């Protein structure tokens, strides 16, 4: 069985006046959407990725 591991850095800014909780929610949604996209659930043909095998983890996060 072949596995792939990657480290991805994500940076984004909130719109003026938005609370920090918006950033946490946006990051969680983005990570979930990335996993879904890698697995190929969002449409198109088979991605070749084993269904249910994608695991995501937020190793570190910082709000500045």
N, C-alpha and C. Protein backbone atom coordinates (compact mmCIF):
# COMPACT_ATOMS: atom_id res chain seq x y z
N UNK A 1 0.85 -1.18 0.00
CA UNK A 1 0.00 0.00 0.00
C UNK A 1 0.90 1.24 0.00
N UNK A 2 0.62 2.16 -0.88
CA UNK A 2 1.37 3.41 -0.96
C UNK A 2 0.59 4.50 -0.23
N UNK A 3 1.30 5.28 0.59
CA UNK A 3 0.70 6.41 1.30
C UNK A 3 1.45 7.68 0.94
N UNK A 4 0.79 8.80 1.06
CA UNK A 4 1.42 10.10 0.85
C UNK A 4 1.16 10.96 2.06
N UNK A 5 2.20 11.65 2.49
CA UNK A 5 2.09 12.62 3.58
C UNK A 5 2.63 13.95 3.08
N UNK A 6 1.93 15.04 3.36
CA UNK A 6 2.37 16.37 2.94
C UNK A 6 2.11 17.36 4.06
N UNK A 7 2.96 18.35 4.17
CA UNK A 7 2.76 19.45 5.10
C UNK A 7 2.35 20.66 4.28
N UNK A 8 1.24 21.27 4.65
CA UNK A 8 0.71 22.41 3.90
C UNK A 8 0.58 23.59 4.85
N UNK A 9 1.06 24.74 4.42
CA UNK A 9 0.93 25.95 5.21
C UNK A 9 -0.17 26.81 4.59
N UNK A 10 -1.08 27.29 5.42
CA UNK A 10 -2.20 28.10 4.94
C UNK A 10 -2.19 29.43 5.70
N UNK A 11 -2.34 30.51 4.96
CA UNK A 11 -2.40 31.82 5.58
C UNK A 11 -3.56 32.60 4.95
N UNK A 12 -4.37 33.24 5.77
CA UNK A 12 -5.45 34.07 5.26
C UNK A 12 -5.76 35.17 6.26
N UNK A 13 -6.43 36.20 5.79
CA UNK A 13 -6.81 37.33 6.63
C UNK A 13 -8.33 37.40 6.73
N UNK A 14 -8.79 37.85 7.88
CA UNK A 14 -10.22 38.05 8.06
C UNK A 14 -10.62 39.44 7.57
N UNK A 15 -11.85 39.55 7.15
CA UNK A 15 -12.40 40.86 6.78
C UNK A 15 -12.47 41.72 8.05
N UNK A 16 -12.36 42.99 7.87
CA UNK A 16 -12.38 43.94 8.98
C UNK A 16 -13.59 43.71 9.89
N UNK A 17 -13.34 43.67 11.19
CA UNK A 17 -14.41 43.56 12.17
C UNK A 17 -14.85 42.14 12.49
N UNK A 18 -14.28 41.14 11.85
CA UNK A 18 -14.69 39.75 12.11
C UNK A 18 -13.98 39.22 13.35
N UNK A 19 -14.69 38.46 14.19
CA UNK A 19 -14.07 37.89 15.38
C UNK A 19 -13.12 36.75 15.03
N UNK A 20 -12.17 36.46 15.92
CA UNK A 20 -11.19 35.39 15.69
C UNK A 20 -11.85 34.04 15.48
N UNK A 21 -13.02 33.83 16.04
CA UNK A 21 -13.71 32.54 15.89
C UNK A 21 -14.02 32.25 14.42
N UNK A 22 -14.16 33.29 13.60
CA UNK A 22 -14.41 33.12 12.17
C UNK A 22 -13.21 32.43 11.52
N UNK A 23 -12.01 32.78 11.95
CA UNK A 23 -10.79 32.16 11.39
C UNK A 23 -10.73 30.68 11.73
N UNK A 24 -11.06 30.34 12.95
CA UNK A 24 -11.04 28.93 13.37
C UNK A 24 -12.03 28.12 12.55
N UNK A 25 -13.23 28.64 12.37
CA UNK A 25 -14.25 27.95 11.57
C UNK A 25 -13.86 27.82 10.11
N UNK A 26 -13.29 28.89 9.56
CA UNK A 26 -12.87 28.86 8.15
C UNK A 26 -11.77 27.83 7.94
N UNK A 27 -10.83 27.75 8.86
CA UNK A 27 -9.76 26.77 8.75
C UNK A 27 -10.30 25.35 8.82
N UNK A 28 -11.19 25.09 9.75
CA UNK A 28 -11.78 23.76 9.88
C UNK A 28 -12.55 23.37 8.62
N UNK A 29 -13.33 24.29 8.06
CA UNK A 29 -14.06 24.01 6.82
C UNK A 29 -13.10 23.74 5.67
N UNK A 30 -12.04 24.54 5.58
CA UNK A 30 -11.07 24.38 4.52
C UNK A 30 -10.37 23.04 4.57
N UNK A 31 -10.00 22.61 5.76
CA UNK A 31 -9.34 21.31 5.92
C UNK A 31 -10.29 20.19 5.51
N UNK A 32 -11.54 20.30 5.91
CA UNK A 32 -12.53 19.29 5.52
C UNK A 32 -12.75 19.24 4.02
N UNK A 33 -12.80 20.41 3.40
CA UNK A 33 -13.00 20.47 1.95
C UNK A 33 -11.79 19.92 1.20
N UNK A 34 -10.60 20.15 1.74
CA UNK A 34 -9.39 19.60 1.13
C UNK A 34 -9.42 18.08 1.14
N UNK A 35 -9.78 17.50 2.27
CA UNK A 35 -9.87 16.04 2.37
C UNK A 35 -10.90 15.49 1.39
N UNK A 36 -12.04 16.13 1.30
CA UNK A 36 -13.09 15.70 0.38
C UNK A 36 -12.61 15.79 -1.06
N UNK A 37 -11.91 16.86 -1.38
CA UNK A 37 -11.40 17.05 -2.73
C UNK A 37 -10.35 15.99 -3.10
N UNK A 38 -9.45 15.70 -2.19
CA UNK A 38 -8.42 14.69 -2.45
C UNK A 38 -9.05 13.33 -2.69
N UNK A 39 -10.07 13.03 -1.92
CA UNK A 39 -10.74 11.74 -2.07
C UNK A 39 -11.56 11.67 -3.35
N UNK A 40 -11.85 12.81 -3.95
CA UNK A 40 -12.57 12.83 -5.22
C UNK A 40 -14.07 12.77 -5.08
N UNK A 41 -14.58 13.12 -3.91
CA UNK A 41 -16.01 13.06 -3.66
C UNK A 41 -16.75 14.21 -4.33
N UNK A 42 -16.04 15.27 -4.69
CA UNK A 42 -16.69 16.49 -5.19
C UNK A 42 -17.11 16.43 -6.65
N UNK A 43 -16.97 15.31 -7.28
CA UNK A 43 -17.40 15.20 -8.67
C UNK A 43 -16.28 14.69 -9.55
N UNK A 44 -16.55 14.59 -10.80
CA UNK A 44 -15.55 14.08 -11.73
C UNK A 44 -15.41 12.58 -11.60
N UNK A 45 -14.39 12.05 -12.20
CA UNK A 45 -14.15 10.61 -12.17
C UNK A 45 -13.43 10.19 -10.90
N UNK A 46 -13.15 8.90 -10.82
CA UNK A 46 -12.43 8.38 -9.64
C UNK A 46 -11.07 9.04 -9.50
N UNK A 47 -10.68 9.34 -8.27
CA UNK A 47 -9.40 10.01 -8.02
C UNK A 47 -8.27 9.01 -7.84
N UNK A 48 -8.59 7.75 -7.62
CA UNK A 48 -7.58 6.75 -7.34
C UNK A 48 -7.20 6.68 -5.88
N UNK A 49 -7.83 7.52 -5.06
CA UNK A 49 -7.57 7.53 -3.62
C UNK A 49 -8.61 6.64 -2.93
N UNK A 50 -8.14 5.78 -2.05
CA UNK A 50 -9.01 4.85 -1.33
C UNK A 50 -10.04 5.63 -0.50
N UNK A 51 -11.30 5.33 -0.72
CA UNK A 51 -12.39 6.00 -0.01
C UNK A 51 -12.23 5.82 1.50
N UNK A 52 -12.34 6.90 2.23
CA UNK A 52 -12.24 6.88 3.68
C UNK A 52 -10.81 6.89 4.21
N UNK A 53 -9.82 6.97 3.32
CA UNK A 53 -8.44 6.89 3.77
C UNK A 53 -7.80 8.24 4.07
N UNK A 54 -8.43 9.33 3.65
CA UNK A 54 -7.82 10.65 3.84
C UNK A 54 -7.97 11.07 5.30
N UNK A 55 -6.85 11.42 5.91
CA UNK A 55 -6.83 11.90 7.29
C UNK A 55 -6.20 13.28 7.29
N UNK A 56 -6.80 14.21 7.98
CA UNK A 56 -6.24 15.55 8.08
C UNK A 56 -6.03 15.89 9.55
N UNK A 57 -5.04 16.74 9.79
CA UNK A 57 -4.74 17.14 11.17
C UNK A 57 -4.19 18.55 11.12
N UNK A 58 -4.70 19.40 11.95
CA UNK A 58 -4.13 20.75 12.09
C UNK A 58 -3.06 20.63 13.16
N UNK A 59 -1.80 20.63 12.72
CA UNK A 59 -0.69 20.42 13.64
C UNK A 59 -0.45 21.64 14.52
N UNK A 60 -0.70 22.82 13.98
CA UNK A 60 -0.44 24.05 14.71
C UNK A 60 -1.27 25.16 14.09
N UNK A 61 -1.71 26.08 14.88
CA UNK A 61 -2.40 27.25 14.36
C UNK A 61 -2.11 28.43 15.26
N UNK A 62 -2.08 29.60 14.66
CA UNK A 62 -1.75 30.81 15.40
C UNK A 62 -2.59 31.95 14.85
N UNK A 63 -3.19 32.72 15.71
CA UNK A 63 -3.96 33.90 15.30
C UNK A 63 -3.16 35.10 15.78
N UNK A 64 -2.81 35.96 14.81
CA UNK A 64 -2.00 37.15 15.18
C UNK A 64 -2.75 38.42 14.83
